[in-house]
Amino acid sequence: MAEKKRFSDQVVWIVGASSGFGAALAHGFDQAGARLVLSARRAERLQSLAASMHQAAAVPLDLAQANSLRDKAAVAQAEFGRIDCLVLAGALAQQAPVQQVKHQVERQLMEVDYFSQTLLARSVLPHMLERGTGQIVVVSGLLAQLHLPGRSSYAAAKAALEAYFGCLRSELVLAGAEGISVTVLVPGARQTAVGAKALGPDGQARGGNSSAAGCPVGLAAGQSLRAIAERKAHAYIGLEDASHELWRLAMAHPQQGIERVLQLVRGQRDGVTG
């Protein structure tokens, strides 16, 4: 396997590793020979996951605690002496209309889903520049281009991530640091509990069931490892389903994409399917 050769003895720091897609990525990297630093809020689950790997260390962190993140990055780098690949997979989801969302909830979404990600990247970047090699992997989503109701701040954060790290990619080229690459992953619908944990208008998780629809997280992780191994700039991850086709339309023909999204929303409002 290409990723087996690519990740042998590489040090990969996964932020958002304790469950779901992040945990599936951790298992994939572990099988591909990487040494892992695993981070998330739930320390006990994180430590259990690290103990199941060949070479892994747990560094618990909370993406909402901005003042602690630079120190956490230093701890992560000290575990194996370097970070070859930073994977930013942690995020909060959202399910609430614009006019109902409290301002502090919007700020919370942006703090976790955007500002923490850029801060962590800036924390590891100097060491990558010093060594002349490295990779930053950012998990975006379909909602960066598909503007569905009730997802405003989450979609804004994902769009901001794509713009920010796209600019960073260009800056690295301008600086002659092309040994450092930026990969943006765009996962489609996956079988995870993210939707059940989505924040409502007051910042409380809405609850509900995990999604049984979409791409199995193991398959999504395998696709992601291939894209990372190939150092792709931008890669869709998931099934080639209706959501994927709509995303492709929105990317290639924005006006048509908007019209199709609004058609679907009107159908949902009026109880029309198909």
Protein backbone atom coordinates (compact mmCIF):
# COMPACT_ATOMS: atom_id res chain seq x y z
CA MET A 1 0.00 0.00 0.00
CA ALA A 2 1.24 3.48 -0.88
CA GLU A 3 0.21 4.88 2.52
CA LYS A 4 2.11 2.09 4.32
CA LYS A 5 5.36 3.27 2.77
CA ARG A 6 4.42 6.93 3.18
CA PHE A 7 3.67 6.81 6.91
CA SER A 8 6.24 4.34 8.18
CA ASP A 9 7.95 5.98 11.18
CA GLN A 10 6.14 9.27 10.55
CA VAL A 11 4.86 11.20 13.58
CA VAL A 12 1.20 12.15 13.10
CA TRP A 13 -0.69 14.39 15.53
CA ILE A 14 -4.46 13.92 15.25
CA VAL A 15 -6.61 16.55 16.97
CA GLY A 16 -10.14 15.27 17.49
CA ALA A 17 -9.07 11.63 17.77
CA SER A 18 -11.21 10.19 20.56
CA SER A 19 -14.17 8.90 18.52
CA GLY A 20 -15.85 8.69 15.12
CA PHE A 21 -13.87 9.80 12.09
CA GLY A 22 -10.88 10.94 14.15
CA ALA A 23 -10.56 7.56 15.87
CA ALA A 24 -10.90 5.79 12.51
CA LEU A 25 -8.07 7.94 11.16
CA ALA A 26 -5.96 7.00 14.17
CA HIS A 27 -6.47 3.29 13.51
CA GLY A 28 -5.63 3.80 9.84
CA PHE A 29 -2.41 5.68 10.56
CA ASP A 30 -1.46 3.10 13.19
CA GLN A 31 -1.84 0.29 10.66
CA ALA A 32 0.19 2.34 8.19
CA GLY A 33 3.19 2.42 10.53
CA ALA A 34 2.87 5.94 11.95
CA ARG A 35 3.74 7.02 15.46
CA LEU A 36 0.76 8.88 16.85
CA VAL A 37 0.00 11.75 19.15
CA LEU A 38 -3.72 11.71 19.91
CA SER A 39 -5.65 14.71 21.23
CA ALA A 40 -9.25 15.39 22.24
CA ARG A 41 -11.19 16.52 25.32
CA ARG A 42 -12.12 13.10 26.72
CA ALA A 43 -8.89 12.04 28.40
CA GLU A 44 -9.99 8.59 29.52
CA ARG A 45 -11.26 7.54 26.10
CA LEU A 46 -8.17 9.07 24.49
CA GLN A 47 -5.80 7.14 26.73
CA SER A 48 -7.67 3.91 26.04
CA LEU A 49 -7.35 4.51 22.30
CA ALA A 50 -3.64 5.31 22.59
CA ALA A 51 -3.08 2.09 24.56
CA SER A 52 -4.56 0.08 21.68
CA MET A 53 -2.01 1.46 19.19
CA HIS A 54 1.53 0.29 18.43
CA GLN A 55 3.18 3.64 19.27
CA ALA A 56 0.89 6.37 20.50
CA ALA A 57 0.76 9.06 23.16
CA ALA A 58 -2.33 10.82 24.49
CA VAL A 59 -2.26 14.61 24.90
CA PRO A 60 -5.71 15.73 26.07
CA LEU A 61 -6.76 19.24 25.08
CA ASP A 62 -9.86 21.37 24.78
CA LEU A 63 -10.13 23.35 21.53
CA ALA A 64 -12.28 25.92 23.33
CA GLN A 65 -9.36 26.78 25.66
CA ALA A 66 -7.28 28.94 23.34
CA ASN A 67 -4.78 29.97 26.02
CA SER A 68 -3.66 26.37 26.51
CA LEU A 69 -3.19 25.32 22.89
CA ARG A 70 0.38 26.53 22.30
CA ASP A 71 1.51 24.68 25.42
CA LYS A 72 -0.34 21.57 24.27
CA ALA A 73 1.39 21.81 20.87
CA ALA A 74 4.77 21.92 22.63
CA VAL A 75 3.84 18.80 24.63
CA ALA A 76 2.69 17.02 21.47
CA GLN A 77 5.94 17.81 19.65
CA ALA A 78 8.01 16.65 22.62
CA GLU A 79 6.40 13.18 22.66
CA PHE A 80 8.41 11.92 19.66
CA GLY A 81 10.63 14.94 19.02
CA ARG A 82 8.72 16.29 16.03
CA ILE A 83 5.41 16.43 14.18
CA ASP A 84 5.54 15.30 10.54
CA CYS A 85 1.80 15.56 9.92
CA LEU A 86 -0.82 17.57 11.79
CA VAL A 87 -4.41 16.40 11.26
CA LEU A 88 -7.07 18.90 12.38
CA ALA A 89 -10.24 16.82 12.73
CA GLY A 90 -11.93 18.31 15.80
CA ALA A 91 -15.10 20.37 15.41
CA LEU A 92 -18.47 21.34 16.83
CA ALA A 93 -21.59 20.98 14.68
CA GLN A 94 -24.63 23.24 14.68
CA GLN A 95 -28.39 22.94 14.17
CA ALA A 96 -30.21 26.23 14.64
CA PRO A 97 -31.65 29.06 12.48
CA VAL A 98 -29.65 32.28 12.17
CA GLN A 99 -32.15 34.47 14.00
CA GLN A 100 -32.30 32.13 16.99
CA VAL A 101 -28.57 31.61 17.54
CA LYS A 102 -27.09 33.56 20.42
CA HIS A 103 -23.98 35.59 19.64
CA GLN A 104 -21.87 33.73 22.19
CA VAL A 105 -22.78 30.44 20.49
CA GLU A 106 -21.57 31.79 17.15
CA ARG A 107 -18.32 32.82 18.83
CA GLN A 108 -18.03 29.36 20.42
CA LEU A 109 -18.41 27.67 17.03
CA MET A 110 -15.79 29.90 15.43
CA GLU A 111 -13.40 29.52 18.38
CA VAL A 112 -13.47 25.72 18.19
CA ASP A 113 -13.98 25.15 14.47
CA TYR A 114 -11.72 27.91 13.11
CA PHE A 115 -9.49 29.85 15.51
CA SER A 116 -8.20 26.79 17.39
CA GLN A 117 -7.28 25.12 14.10
CA THR A 118 -5.29 28.05 12.79
CA LEU A 119 -3.54 28.51 16.14
CA LEU A 120 -2.44 24.87 16.27
CA ALA A 121 -1.18 25.04 12.70
CA ARG A 122 0.87 28.15 13.49
CA SER A 123 2.25 26.37 16.56
CA VAL A 124 3.75 23.47 14.59
CA LEU A 125 4.66 25.36 11.44
CA PRO A 126 7.96 26.89 12.65
CA HIS A 127 9.40 23.43 13.32
CA MET A 128 8.23 22.17 9.93
CA LEU A 129 9.84 25.19 8.25
CA GLU A 130 13.06 24.56 10.15
CA ARG A 131 13.16 20.96 8.93
CA GLY A 132 11.88 21.82 5.44
CA THR A 133 9.20 19.14 5.49
CA GLY A 134 5.76 18.48 6.92
CA GLN A 135 2.07 18.28 6.17
CA ILE A 136 -1.01 19.99 7.57
CA VAL A 137 -4.33 18.23 7.02
CA VAL A 138 -7.57 20.13 7.54
CA VAL A 139 -11.00 18.49 7.71
CA SER A 140 -13.53 20.73 5.98
CA GLY A 141 -16.98 19.64 4.81
CA LEU A 142 -19.63 19.89 2.13
CA LEU A 143 -21.22 22.83 3.94
CA ALA A 144 -18.30 25.07 3.01
CA GLN A 145 -20.05 25.19 -0.40
CA LEU A 146 -23.56 23.87 0.29
CA HIS A 147 -25.42 26.47 2.32
CA LEU A 148 -28.20 24.57 4.07
CA PRO A 149 -30.58 26.02 6.67
CA GLY A 150 -29.59 25.81 10.32
CA ARG A 151 -25.85 25.43 9.73
CA SER A 152 -24.69 29.05 9.38
CA SER A 153 -21.76 29.31 11.80
CA TYR A 154 -20.54 25.77 11.17
CA ALA A 155 -20.60 26.33 7.39
CA ALA A 156 -18.87 29.70 7.83
CA ALA A 157 -16.08 28.12 9.89
CA LYS A 158 -15.49 25.39 7.30
CA ALA A 159 -15.43 27.93 4.46
CA ALA A 160 -13.01 30.07 6.46
CA LEU A 161 -10.72 27.08 7.03
CA GLU A 162 -10.56 26.34 3.31
CA ALA A 163 -9.71 29.97 2.51
CA TYR A 164 -7.15 30.31 5.30
CA PHE A 165 -5.26 27.14 4.54
CA GLY A 166 -5.46 27.78 0.81
CA CYS A 167 -3.66 31.07 1.42
CA LEU A 168 -1.12 29.30 3.63
CA ARG A 169 -0.45 26.84 0.82
CA SER A 170 0.33 29.73 -1.53
CA GLU A 171 2.56 31.41 1.06
CA LEU A 172 4.58 28.21 1.47
CA VAL A 173 5.18 28.09 -2.28
CA LEU A 174 6.14 31.78 -2.32
CA ALA A 175 8.63 31.11 0.48
CA GLY A 176 10.15 28.16 -1.38
CA ALA A 177 8.89 25.80 1.36
CA GLU A 178 7.20 23.34 -0.97
CA GLY A 179 8.34 20.44 1.19
CA ILE A 180 5.45 21.45 3.47
CA SER A 181 2.06 20.63 2.01
CA VAL A 182 -1.53 21.47 2.92
CA THR A 183 -4.31 18.94 2.34
CA VAL A 184 -7.98 19.83 2.72
CA LEU A 185 -10.31 16.86 3.17
CA VAL A 186 -13.99 17.33 2.34
CA PRO A 187 -15.98 14.52 3.96
CA GLY A 188 -19.49 13.85 2.75
CA ALA A 189 -22.18 12.23 4.90
CA ARG A 190 -20.63 9.76 7.34
CA GLN A 191 -21.94 7.30 9.90
CA THR A 192 -21.00 9.31 12.98
CA ALA A 193 -22.57 10.91 16.05
CA VAL A 194 -21.64 14.47 14.98
CA GLY A 195 -25.21 15.44 14.15
CA ALA A 196 -26.49 14.18 17.49
CA LYS A 197 -24.00 16.45 19.25
CA ALA A 198 -24.87 19.55 17.20
CA LEU A 199 -25.34 22.74 19.21
CA GLY A 200 -28.77 24.35 19.39
CA PRO A 201 -29.42 28.12 19.55
CA ASP A 202 -28.44 28.33 23.23
CA GLY A 203 -25.22 26.31 22.86
CA GLN A 204 -26.61 23.09 24.33
CA ALA A 205 -26.27 19.84 22.38
CA ARG A 206 -29.58 18.98 20.73
CA GLY A 207 -29.18 15.24 21.33
CA GLY A 208 -30.70 12.55 19.16
CA ASN A 209 -29.41 9.46 17.46
CA SER A 210 -26.15 8.86 15.64
CA SER A 211 -26.38 8.76 11.86
CA ALA A 212 -26.67 5.32 10.28
CA ALA A 213 -26.64 6.85 6.80
CA GLY A 214 -23.64 7.83 4.73
CA CYS A 215 -20.13 6.50 4.40
CA PRO A 216 -18.77 4.10 7.06
CA VAL A 217 -16.01 5.90 8.95
CA GLY A 218 -13.49 3.14 8.23
CA LEU A 219 -13.97 3.60 4.49
CA ALA A 220 -13.74 7.39 4.86
CA ALA A 221 -10.52 7.00 6.86
CA GLY A 222 -9.00 4.77 4.18
CA GLN A 223 -9.81 7.31 1.47
CA SER A 224 -8.35 10.05 3.64
CA LEU A 225 -5.07 8.20 4.16
CA ARG A 226 -4.68 7.77 0.41
CA ALA A 227 -5.30 11.49 -0.19
CA ILE A 228 -2.83 12.43 2.55
CA ALA A 229 -0.23 9.97 1.25
CA GLU A 230 -0.54 11.53 -2.21
CA ARG A 231 -0.36 15.02 -0.65
CA LYS A 232 -3.48 16.08 -2.50
CA ALA A 233 -4.43 19.73 -2.11
CA HIS A 234 -8.19 19.06 -1.96
CA ALA A 235 -9.97 15.72 -1.76
CA TYR A 236 -13.59 14.64 -1.42
CA ILE A 237 -14.04 11.81 1.08
CA GLY A 238 -17.08 9.54 1.07
CA LEU A 239 -19.69 7.95 -1.13
CA GLU A 240 -20.56 9.31 -4.55
CA ASP A 241 -24.15 9.91 -3.51
CA ALA A 242 -26.70 12.70 -4.07
CA SER A 243 -24.90 15.02 -1.63
CA HIS A 244 -21.64 14.52 -3.49
CA GLU A 245 -23.27 15.32 -6.83
CA LEU A 246 -24.81 18.48 -5.38
CA TRP A 247 -21.43 19.52 -3.97
CA ARG A 248 -19.77 18.97 -7.34
CA LEU A 249 -22.45 21.10 -9.00
CA ALA A 250 -21.96 23.88 -6.45
CA MET A 251 -18.19 23.80 -6.96
CA ALA A 252 -18.34 23.86 -10.77
CA HIS A 253 -21.41 26.06 -11.29
CA PRO A 254 -22.17 28.14 -8.16
CA GLN A 255 -25.41 29.70 -9.45
CA GLN A 256 -26.81 26.31 -10.46
CA GLY A 257 -25.73 24.89 -7.13
CA ILE A 258 -27.56 27.64 -5.24
CA GLU A 259 -30.71 27.12 -7.30
CA ARG A 260 -30.63 23.37 -6.68
CA VAL A 261 -30.13 23.81 -2.93
CA LEU A 262 -33.06 26.23 -2.75
CA GLN A 263 -35.20 23.84 -4.78
CA LEU A 264 -34.46 21.08 -2.26
CA VAL A 265 -35.17 23.37 0.68
CA ARG A 266 -38.52 24.42 -0.81
CA GLY A 267 -39.37 20.77 -1.35
CA GLN A 268 -38.52 20.01 2.26
CA ARG A 269 -40.65 22.94 3.43
CA ASP A 270 -43.60 21.84 1.32
CA GLY A 271 -43.25 18.18 2.18
CA VAL A 272 -42.11 17.18 -1.32
CA THR A 273 -39.59 14.36 -1.72
CA GLY A 274 -37.42 13.34 -4.67
